[in-house]
Protein backbone atom coordinates (compact mmCIF):
# COMPACT_ATOMS: atom_id res chain seq x y z
CA UNK A 1 148.75 15.52 109.17
CA UNK A 2 151.69 14.24 111.16
CA UNK A 3 153.40 16.99 113.13
CA UNK A 4 157.09 17.38 112.42
CA UNK A 5 159.32 16.35 115.31
CA UNK A 6 161.24 19.18 116.91
CA UNK A 7 164.48 18.72 118.76
CA UNK A 8 166.31 21.17 120.94
CA UNK A 9 169.44 22.76 119.58
CA UNK A 10 171.34 21.30 122.55
CA UNK A 11 170.26 17.78 121.58
CA UNK A 12 171.11 18.40 117.93
CA UNK A 13 174.60 19.70 118.71
CA UNK A 14 175.27 16.88 121.18
CA UNK A 15 174.06 14.26 118.69
CA UNK A 16 176.15 15.66 115.84
CA UNK A 17 179.24 15.85 118.04
CA UNK A 18 178.70 12.30 119.35
CA UNK A 19 178.22 10.87 115.86
CA UNK A 20 181.30 12.71 114.61
CA UNK A 21 183.37 11.45 117.56
CA UNK A 22 182.04 7.92 117.06
CA UNK A 23 183.00 8.03 113.37
CA UNK A 24 186.51 9.18 114.28
CA UNK A 25 186.86 6.46 116.92
CA UNK A 26 185.65 3.78 114.51
CA UNK A 27 188.12 4.91 111.86
CA UNK A 28 190.86 4.95 114.48
CA UNK A 29 189.82 1.47 115.65
CA UNK A 30 189.98 0.04 112.14
CA UNK A 31 193.33 1.74 111.61
CA UNK A 32 194.72 0.23 114.85
CA UNK A 33 193.44 -3.22 113.91
CA UNK A 34 195.00 -2.92 110.50
CA UNK A 35 198.35 -1.82 111.94
CA UNK A 36 198.36 -4.63 114.55
CA UNK A 37 197.41 -7.23 111.95
CA UNK A 38 200.11 -5.96 109.57
CA UNK A 39 202.62 -6.13 112.43
CA UNK A 40 201.78 -9.80 113.04
CA UNK A 41 201.98 -10.55 109.31
CA UNK A 42 205.36 -8.86 109.08
CA UNK A 43 206.56 -10.71 112.16
CA UNK A 44 205.33 -14.04 110.80
CA UNK A 45 206.95 -13.38 107.41
CA UNK A 46 210.31 -12.72 109.06
CA UNK A 47 210.07 -15.98 111.04
CA UNK A 48 208.95 -17.98 108.00
CA UNK A 49 211.68 -16.51 105.82
CA UNK A 50 214.28 -17.29 108.47
CA UNK A 51 213.04 -20.90 108.68
CA UNK A 52 212.96 -21.11 104.87
CA UNK A 53 216.58 -19.96 104.70
CA UNK A 54 217.53 -22.54 107.31
CA UNK A 55 215.84 -25.25 105.24
CA UNK A 56 217.60 -24.03 102.10
CA UNK A 57 220.96 -24.30 103.86
CA UNK A 58 220.12 -27.83 104.99
CA UNK A 59 219.01 -28.92 101.52
CA UNK A 60 222.12 -27.40 99.95
CA UNK A 61 224.01 -30.47 101.09
CA UNK A 62 221.55 -32.87 99.39
CA UNK A 63 222.74 -34.60 96.19
CA UNK A 64 219.46 -36.27 95.21
CA UNK A 65 215.78 -35.68 95.99
CA UNK A 66 215.62 -39.00 97.81
CA UNK A 67 217.88 -37.56 100.51
CA UNK A 68 215.46 -34.67 101.26
CA UNK A 69 213.41 -36.66 103.76
CA UNK A 70 216.49 -37.80 105.67
CA UNK A 71 218.12 -34.40 105.76
CA UNK A 72 214.98 -32.53 106.77
CA UNK A 73 214.03 -35.20 109.28
CA UNK A 74 217.32 -34.52 111.04
CA UNK A 75 216.67 -30.73 110.88
CA UNK A 76 213.14 -31.10 112.24
CA UNK A 77 214.30 -33.31 115.08
CA UNK A 78 216.77 -30.63 116.12
CA UNK A 79 213.90 -28.08 116.33
CA UNK A 80 211.34 -30.44 117.82
CA UNK A 81 211.10 -28.37 120.98
CA UNK A 82 210.69 -25.05 119.13
CA UNK A 83 207.87 -22.94 120.53
CA UNK A 84 206.83 -21.76 117.07
CA UNK A 85 205.58 -25.14 115.79
CA UNK A 86 206.62 -24.96 112.13
CA UNK A 87 205.24 -27.43 109.58
CA UNK A 88 207.50 -28.14 106.60
CA UNK A 89 206.36 -29.65 103.30
CA UNK A 90 208.63 -30.26 100.29
CA UNK A 91 207.36 -31.38 96.88
CA UNK A 92 209.02 -31.94 93.53
CA UNK A 93 208.05 -30.31 90.25
CA UNK A 94 205.52 -33.07 89.56
CA UNK A 95 203.75 -32.35 92.86
CA UNK A 96 204.89 -35.47 94.65
CA UNK A 97 205.45 -34.82 98.36
CA UNK A 98 209.06 -35.51 99.30
CA UNK A 99 208.72 -34.52 102.92
CA UNK A 100 205.93 -33.59 105.36
CA UNK A 101 206.84 -32.81 108.93
CA UNK A 102 203.19 -33.13 110.03
CA UNK A 103 201.41 -35.87 108.06
CA UNK A 104 198.25 -35.37 110.13
CA UNK A 105 197.73 -31.89 108.65
CA UNK A 106 196.53 -31.86 105.05
CA UNK A 107 198.75 -29.06 103.87
CA UNK A 108 200.45 -30.93 101.04
CA UNK A 109 197.88 -29.71 98.52
CA UNK A 110 199.35 -26.23 98.83
CA UNK A 111 202.72 -27.60 97.72
CA UNK A 112 201.52 -28.54 94.23
CA UNK A 113 203.31 -26.88 91.34
CA UNK A 114 202.43 -23.19 91.20
CA UNK A 115 202.89 -20.48 88.66
CA UNK A 116 204.22 -18.23 91.40
CA UNK A 117 207.69 -17.12 90.40
CA UNK A 118 208.72 -15.97 93.87
CA UNK A 119 207.89 -16.50 97.51
CA UNK A 120 204.18 -16.28 98.32
CA UNK A 121 202.68 -15.62 101.76
CA UNK A 122 199.14 -16.81 102.49
CA UNK A 123 196.83 -17.64 105.39
CA UNK A 124 194.93 -20.90 105.81
CA UNK A 125 192.17 -21.80 108.30
CA UNK A 126 191.82 -25.57 108.74
CA UNK A 127 190.38 -27.67 111.55
CA UNK A 128 190.02 -24.65 113.86
CA UNK A 129 193.68 -23.88 113.35
CA UNK A 130 195.04 -20.87 111.50
CA UNK A 131 198.31 -21.08 109.59
CA UNK A 132 200.52 -18.50 108.00
CA UNK A 133 202.12 -20.24 105.02
CA UNK A 134 205.16 -19.26 102.98
CA UNK A 135 205.40 -21.08 99.64
CA UNK A 136 208.71 -20.67 97.89
CA UNK A 137 210.22 -22.26 94.74
CA UNK A 138 213.63 -23.79 95.37
CA UNK A 139 216.30 -25.73 93.45
CA UNK A 140 217.31 -28.97 95.16
CA UNK A 141 220.03 -31.19 93.62
CA UNK A 142 219.69 -29.20 90.36
CA UNK A 143 215.97 -29.97 90.22
CA UNK A 144 213.01 -27.65 90.75
CA UNK A 145 211.02 -28.10 93.92
CA UNK A 146 208.58 -26.24 96.13
CA UNK A 147 209.11 -25.69 99.85
CA UNK A 148 206.13 -24.90 102.07
CA UNK A 149 206.70 -23.58 105.58
CA UNK A 150 203.58 -23.14 107.79
CA UNK A 151 203.32 -21.43 111.15
CA UNK A 152 200.49 -21.89 113.64
CA UNK A 153 199.11 -18.40 114.37
CA UNK A 154 196.23 -19.33 116.67
CA UNK A 155 197.83 -17.26 119.40
CA UNK A 156 197.74 -14.24 117.11
CA UNK A 157 194.07 -14.79 116.28
CA UNK A 158 193.19 -15.26 119.94
CA UNK A 159 194.94 -12.02 120.80
CA UNK A 160 193.26 -10.14 117.92
CA UNK A 161 189.80 -11.44 118.88
CA UNK A 162 190.25 -10.34 122.49
CA UNK A 163 191.76 -7.05 121.35
CA UNK A 164 188.82 -6.36 118.98
CA UNK A 165 186.26 -7.09 121.68
CA UNK A 166 188.01 -4.85 124.20
CA UNK A 167 188.47 -2.06 121.67
CA UNK A 168 184.85 -2.04 120.41
CA UNK A 169 183.56 -2.03 123.97
CA UNK A 170 185.93 0.81 124.82
CA UNK A 171 184.81 2.76 121.77
CA UNK A 172 181.13 2.27 122.66
CA UNK A 173 181.73 3.42 126.25
CA UNK A 174 183.83 6.37 125.06
CA UNK A 175 181.11 7.40 122.59
CA UNK A 176 178.49 7.27 125.35
CA UNK A 177 180.66 9.34 127.69
CA UNK A 178 181.38 11.87 124.94
CA UNK A 179 177.66 12.10 124.18
CA UNK A 180 176.90 12.97 127.81
CA UNK A 181 179.77 15.45 127.92
CA UNK A 182 178.58 16.94 124.63
CA UNK A 183 175.13 17.56 126.14
CA UNK A 184 176.69 19.34 129.10
CA UNK A 185 179.09 21.36 126.95
CA UNK A 186 176.37 22.28 124.42
CA UNK A 187 174.04 23.39 127.20
CA UNK A 188 176.72 25.57 128.74
CA UNK A 189 177.80 26.84 125.31
CA UNK A 190 174.23 27.90 124.48
CA UNK A 191 173.80 29.75 127.76
CA UNK A 192 174.37 33.16 126.06
CA UNK A 193 171.58 32.26 123.63
CA UNK A 194 169.23 31.46 126.51
CA UNK A 195 170.17 34.80 128.07
CA UNK A 196 169.35 36.55 124.81
CA UNK A 197 166.01 34.74 124.71
CA UNK A 198 165.23 35.94 128.24
CA UNK A 199 166.09 39.52 127.28
CA UNK A 200 163.96 39.29 124.15
CA UNK A 201 160.96 38.08 126.17
CA UNK A 202 161.07 41.36 128.13
CA UNK A 203 160.41 43.41 124.99
CA UNK A 204 156.96 45.06 124.83
CA UNK A 205 155.46 47.94 122.85
CA UNK A 206 156.52 50.21 125.72
CA UNK A 207 160.25 49.57 125.35
CA UNK A 208 160.73 49.00 121.62
CA UNK A 209 163.16 51.91 121.57
CA UNK A 210 165.47 50.21 124.08
CA UNK A 211 167.99 48.00 122.25
CA UNK A 212 169.30 44.70 123.55
CA UNK A 213 172.72 45.01 125.28
CA UNK A 214 175.68 44.26 123.03
CA UNK A 215 177.90 42.86 125.78
CA UNK A 216 178.39 39.30 124.56
CA UNK A 217 181.96 38.16 123.93
CA UNK A 218 180.80 35.69 121.27
CA UNK A 219 180.78 36.87 117.66
CA UNK A 220 177.67 34.88 116.64
CA UNK A 221 175.63 36.14 119.61
CA UNK A 222 176.75 39.71 118.92
CA UNK A 223 175.67 39.39 115.29
CA UNK A 224 172.32 37.93 116.33
CA UNK A 225 171.85 40.73 118.87
CA UNK A 226 172.67 43.33 116.23
CA UNK A 227 170.08 41.75 113.91
CA UNK A 228 167.47 41.82 116.68
CA UNK A 229 168.26 45.47 117.43
CA UNK A 230 167.90 46.38 113.75
CA UNK A 231 164.53 44.60 113.69
CA UNK A 232 163.46 46.40 116.89
CA UNK A 233 164.43 49.71 115.35
CA UNK A 234 162.30 48.99 112.28
CA UNK A 235 159.39 47.86 114.45
CA UNK A 236 159.69 50.94 116.63
CA UNK A 237 159.73 53.26 113.62
CA UNK A 238 156.71 51.51 112.13
CA UNK A 239 154.88 51.60 115.46
CA UNK A 240 155.63 55.30 115.96
CA UNK A 241 154.40 56.04 112.44
CA UNK A 242 151.26 54.04 113.15
CA UNK A 243 150.69 55.89 116.42
CA UNK A 244 151.27 59.23 114.72
CA UNK A 245 149.05 58.22 111.82
CA UNK A 246 146.23 57.20 114.17
CA UNK A 247 146.56 60.47 116.07
CA UNK A 248 146.58 62.55 112.88
CA UNK A 249 143.65 60.62 111.44
CA UNK A 250 141.63 61.15 114.61
CA UNK A 251 142.52 64.85 114.54
CA UNK A 252 141.56 65.23 110.88
CA UNK A 253 138.23 63.47 111.39
CA UNK A 254 137.49 65.31 114.62
CA UNK A 255 137.47 68.72 112.95
CA UNK A 256 134.64 68.09 110.44
CA UNK A 257 132.72 66.00 112.96
CA UNK A 258 132.95 68.75 115.58
CA UNK A 259 131.87 71.31 113.00
CA UNK A 260 128.86 69.23 112.00
CA UNK A 261 127.89 68.65 115.64
CA UNK A 262 128.17 72.32 116.55
CA UNK A 263 126.19 73.45 113.49
CA UNK A 264 123.44 70.94 114.18
CA UNK A 265 123.23 72.02 117.81
CA UNK A 266 122.98 75.67 116.80
CA UNK A 267 120.34 74.94 114.16
CA UNK A 268 118.27 72.86 116.56
CA UNK A 269 118.50 75.39 119.38
CA UNK A 270 115.48 77.28 117.93
CA UNK A 271 113.20 77.35 114.93
CA UNK A 272 114.88 78.29 111.67
CA UNK A 273 113.81 79.30 108.22
CA UNK A 274 113.91 76.89 105.31
CA UNK A 275 116.93 78.70 103.86
CA UNK A 276 118.85 78.29 107.13
CA UNK A 277 118.09 74.56 107.26
CA UNK A 278 119.17 74.21 103.65
CA UNK A 279 122.45 76.05 104.38
CA UNK A 280 123.10 73.77 107.40
CA UNK A 281 122.49 70.68 105.28
CA UNK A 282 124.79 72.09 102.59
CA UNK A 283 127.57 72.66 105.15
CA UNK A 284 127.08 69.13 106.51
CA UNK A 285 127.27 67.73 103.00
CA UNK A 286 130.58 69.54 102.43
CA UNK A 287 131.99 68.13 105.67
CA UNK A 288 130.83 64.65 104.68
CA UNK A 289 132.45 65.08 101.26
CA UNK A 290 135.71 66.02 102.96
CA UNK A 291 135.59 62.93 105.19
CA UNK A 292 134.65 60.74 102.22
CA UNK A 293 137.65 61.99 100.26
CA UNK A 294 139.87 61.32 103.24
CA UNK A 295 138.59 57.76 103.67
CA UNK A 296 138.95 57.15 99.92
CA UNK A 297 142.53 58.42 100.03
CA UNK A 298 143.28 56.23 103.03
CA UNK A 299 141.94 53.17 101.23
CA UNK A 300 144.10 54.02 98.22
CA UNK A 301 147.23 54.28 100.42
CA UNK A 302 146.33 51.02 102.17
CA UNK A 303 146.14 49.29 98.78
CA UNK A 304 149.50 50.84 97.89
CA UNK A 305 151.08 49.53 101.10
CA UNK A 306 149.94 46.03 100.22
CA UNK A 307 151.01 46.21 96.57
CA UNK A 308 147.44 46.07 95.29
CA UNK A 309 147.71 49.02 92.88
CA UNK A 310 147.90 47.64 89.33
CA UNK A 311 148.39 50.53 86.87
CA UNK A 312 146.75 50.17 83.47
CA UNK A 313 149.30 50.27 80.65
CA UNK A 314 148.42 52.98 78.10
CA UNK A 315 150.63 55.29 76.07
CA UNK A 316 149.87 59.02 76.03
CA UNK A 317 151.51 62.38 75.27
CA UNK A 318 152.60 64.18 78.44
CA UNK A 319 152.40 67.69 77.03
CA UNK A 320 148.72 67.36 76.13
CA UNK A 321 147.73 65.81 79.47
CA UNK A 322 149.59 68.40 81.53
CA UNK A 323 148.03 71.19 79.42
CA UNK A 324 144.62 69.82 80.34
CA UNK A 325 145.58 69.89 84.03
CA UNK A 326 146.87 73.45 83.75
CA UNK A 327 143.55 74.54 82.23
CA UNK A 328 141.79 72.92 85.19
CA UNK A 329 143.99 74.72 87.75
CA UNK A 330 144.18 78.00 85.86
CA UNK A 331 141.31 79.54 87.87
CA UNK A 332 143.15 78.97 91.18
CA UNK A 333 146.37 80.31 89.70
CA UNK A 334 144.65 83.47 88.48
CA UNK A 335 143.41 84.20 92.02
CA UNK A 336 147.06 84.56 93.09
CA UNK A 337 148.24 86.03 89.78
CA UNK A 338 150.47 82.98 89.23
CA UNK A 339 151.63 82.12 85.75
CA UNK A 340 151.75 78.46 84.72
CA UNK A 341 154.43 77.68 82.12
CA UNK A 342 154.94 74.31 80.43
CA UNK A 343 157.88 73.30 78.23
CA UNK A 344 159.16 70.09 76.68
CA UNK A 345 157.66 67.08 75.00
CA UNK A 346 157.50 63.40 75.92
CA UNK A 347 155.45 60.23 76.02
CA UNK A 348 154.65 57.97 78.94
CA UNK A 349 153.43 54.41 79.16
CA UNK A 350 151.34 53.87 82.28
CA UNK A 351 148.02 54.48 83.97
CA UNK A 352 146.89 57.86 82.63
CA UNK A 353 144.27 58.55 85.32
CA UNK A 354 146.67 57.76 88.19
CA UNK A 355 149.47 59.85 86.71
CA UNK A 356 147.03 62.71 86.12
CA UNK A 357 146.10 62.53 89.79
CA UNK A 358 149.75 62.61 90.87
CA UNK A 359 150.60 65.57 88.61
CA UNK A 360 147.42 67.39 89.65
CA UNK A 361 148.40 67.04 93.32
CA UNK A 362 151.84 68.53 92.64
CA UNK A 363 150.45 71.42 90.55
CA UNK A 364 147.82 72.22 93.22
CA UNK A 365 150.51 72.06 95.91
CA UNK A 366 152.74 74.45 93.92
CA UNK A 367 149.85 76.92 93.53
CA UNK A 368 148.82 76.72 97.20
CA UNK A 369 152.33 77.43 98.51
CA UNK A 370 153.60 79.61 95.66
CA UNK A 371 154.15 83.37 95.97
CA UNK A 372 151.69 85.74 94.38
CA UNK A 373 152.74 87.19 91.02
CA UNK A 374 155.21 84.31 90.54
CA UNK A 375 155.68 81.68 87.84
CA UNK A 376 155.38 77.91 88.16
CA UNK A 377 157.72 76.15 85.73
CA UNK A 378 156.79 72.67 84.50
CA UNK A 379 159.42 70.97 82.34
CA UNK A 380 159.32 67.67 80.46
CA UNK A 381 162.69 66.12 79.66
CA UNK A 382 162.60 62.88 77.70
CA UNK A 383 165.77 60.79 77.91
CA UNK A 384 166.74 57.42 76.47
CA UNK A 385 165.63 55.26 79.38
CA UNK A 386 163.45 57.62 81.40
CA UNK A 387 161.26 60.69 81.29
CA UNK A 388 161.81 63.46 83.81
CA UNK A 389 159.17 65.95 84.94
CA UNK A 390 160.04 68.92 87.16
CA UNK A 391 157.54 71.27 88.83
CA UNK A 392 159.18 74.36 90.34
CA UNK A 393 157.40 77.10 92.28
CA UNK A 394 158.65 80.23 94.03
CA UNK A 395 157.76 80.48 97.67
CA UNK A 396 158.97 79.98 101.19
CA UNK A 397 162.03 77.70 101.39
CA UNK A 398 161.32 74.39 103.10
CA UNK A 399 163.78 73.56 105.86
CA UNK A 400 166.05 70.63 104.94
CA UNK A 401 164.95 68.68 108.01
CA UNK A 402 161.41 68.50 106.61
CA UNK A 403 162.30 67.29 103.11
CA UNK A 404 162.68 63.53 103.94
CA UNK A 405 159.21 63.57 105.57
CA UNK A 406 157.18 65.47 102.97
CA UNK A 407 155.75 62.27 101.48
CA UNK A 408 154.54 60.92 104.82
CA UNK A 409 150.83 60.92 105.57
CA UNK A 410 149.41 64.01 107.31
CA UNK A 411 152.88 65.58 107.48
CA UNK A 412 153.02 69.35 107.29
CA UNK A 413 156.07 71.60 107.46
CA UNK A 414 154.09 74.35 109.19
CA UNK A 415 151.40 73.38 111.68
CA UNK A 416 149.85 76.82 111.31
CA UNK A 417 148.87 75.89 107.76
CA UNK A 418 146.85 72.90 108.88
CA UNK A 419 143.75 74.82 109.73
CA UNK A 420 144.00 77.09 106.70
CA UNK A 421 144.40 74.34 104.13
CA UNK A 422 141.49 72.38 102.77
CA UNK A 423 143.58 69.29 102.20
CA UNK A 424 144.05 66.48 104.68
CA UNK A 425 147.81 66.17 104.20
CA UNK A 426 147.57 63.07 102.01
CA UNK A 427 148.24 64.54 98.57
CA UNK A 428 152.01 64.07 98.48
CA UNK A 429 151.73 60.61 100.08
CA UNK A 430 149.29 59.56 97.34
CA UNK A 431 151.56 61.05 94.67
CA UNK A 432 154.56 59.09 95.98
CA UNK A 433 152.46 55.88 96.06
CA UNK A 434 151.38 56.36 92.42
CA UNK A 435 154.96 56.99 91.25
CA UNK A 436 156.19 53.95 93.19
CA UNK A 437 153.46 51.82 91.57
CA UNK A 438 154.94 52.83 88.19
CA UNK A 439 158.43 51.87 89.42
CA UNK A 440 159.51 55.50 89.31
CA UNK A 441 161.10 57.91 91.77
CA UNK A 442 160.05 61.29 93.16
CA UNK A 443 162.40 63.72 94.92
CA UNK A 444 162.14 67.24 96.26
CA UNK A 445 164.62 70.06 96.79
CA UNK A 446 164.12 73.53 98.24
CA UNK A 447 166.60 76.42 98.31
CA UNK A 448 166.68 80.16 97.70
CA UNK A 449 162.86 80.39 97.79
CA UNK A 450 162.45 77.79 95.06
CA UNK A 451 160.92 74.36 95.66
CA UNK A 452 161.28 71.73 92.95
CA UNK A 453 159.57 68.33 92.73
CA UNK A 454 161.23 65.93 90.28
CA UNK A 455 159.54 62.83 88.86
CA UNK A 456 161.53 60.14 87.06
CA UNK A 457 159.56 57.47 85.21
CA UNK A 458 161.05 54.65 83.14
CA UNK A 459 160.34 54.58 79.44
CA UNK A 460 158.66 51.38 78.24
CA UNK A 461 159.03 50.90 74.51
CA UNK A 462 156.07 49.10 72.96
CA UNK A 463 155.83 47.50 69.56
CA UNK A 464 153.00 48.48 67.27
C-alpha cells in the first residue's frame, strides 16, 4: 500500500498563496497585453483613416478612373519620405487594379470586390512582414471602387514580442519571489500554532486539570485552545472517575477478601469441629457470592459503556410485573413495617428481565432507606408517547449536592452506610444503564423527607 504524502501546513499555505498570486499575475499580464495591442490597433486605425481621407480628397478631383493612377502617383511621390510606409491599392468594381503603390507586394487580392458595406480593418502577415490593412468602399468619378491602405506594423510586432518576453520573465521571477516570501510569512504566521503544540506536548496525566493559557491575540488560535481545554476537562473528569472507580473497586473487593483471609487464619490456628469448618466454608461461599455479583455487575456496566446491551423487545403489563416484584420484596418491607402501594396501569415494550432488574433495584433501595412504619408509593402513569413510573419513599432527605452523582458507580451519600449495607453501590448505576439502553430517562428528587425516583420510557406501538 502506497503511503499518502504528507506536506507541512507551511508548505501548503505557501503553495496556495504562490499559485493564487501567479494566477493573478498571469491574468494581469494578459490584460496588459490586450490593452497594449488594442492601443496599437487604435493608433493604426487612426493613421489609416487619416491616409484614407487624404486619398479620398485627392481622388475627388478625378473625372475618370483612368486618371486615378496619375493622381495617386503624384500623392504618393509627395509622401515618399514618410516614415510610416503606407501601401495604397485602388481597384474598380470588377476587381481590376487601378493603382498599386508597391507592385512588389501581392496585396491586390485584398482589393477584390467585397460584400463589406463599410470600412474594414484587418491584419495580414506576408513574407515576414505584418500589415494593418484598411479596406474601404469609395465612389470615384461616380463609379464604385475599393481603396486599400496598408501599414507596415513590424515595429509594433517587434515591440510586442520583446514586451511579452520581458513580462513573462518578470512574472516568473515575481512568482518565485512571492513563493519564498510566502514560506517566510506562513512560517511566522503559524508560530502561535507551534507554540500551542509545544504547550500541548507538556500535558501529562499529572497536569490534566491545568488548562492551556488563553493569551493568544488570534481568534483561530483562541478557538483551538478553547477546544483543547474542553477536551482536557473531559479527559480529566474521565480520568478522575476512573481513578475513583479503581479505588472504590479495590476497597469493595478488599473487604470480603480480608474477611475470608481472617476467617481462614482463625480456623487454621487450631483443630476445629466439623460444624465449625462447615460454617467457615459457608461464610467463604457467601463472600465469594458477593464478589461474583460485583464482578457480574461490573461486566454488565462495561457492556453498557460500550453500547453492547441489546434489549429484547417484548410487550408486557407493568402492573402485573411490579406486583410480582412487590411480593418478592414484601418480606423485607414487613421487617420495617413498610407498606408497599401500587397504583396505575400501563404497558411497556422492552426487555422484561432487564426492566424487572431496574425496578427491583429501585424498590429495594426505597425499602433500605425508607423510614419504619412508612409507605412506599409506586405509580404508573401512561401517556400518549411515554410511560412514567414513580417510586417515592419517606426517609432522610438527600442533600441536593449528592443528587447528580447518585447514578455513579460506588457512590454513596453517607459513607457510614457503606459498611452497613450489603450492596456494592452499583444498583443505581445498573438501573440507569438499563433505562438508557431502552432510550429512556431516570431522574431523582428529594425534599421534605421524601425521595422520588422517576422513570420515563417511550411507548413503542406494535402492530398485531
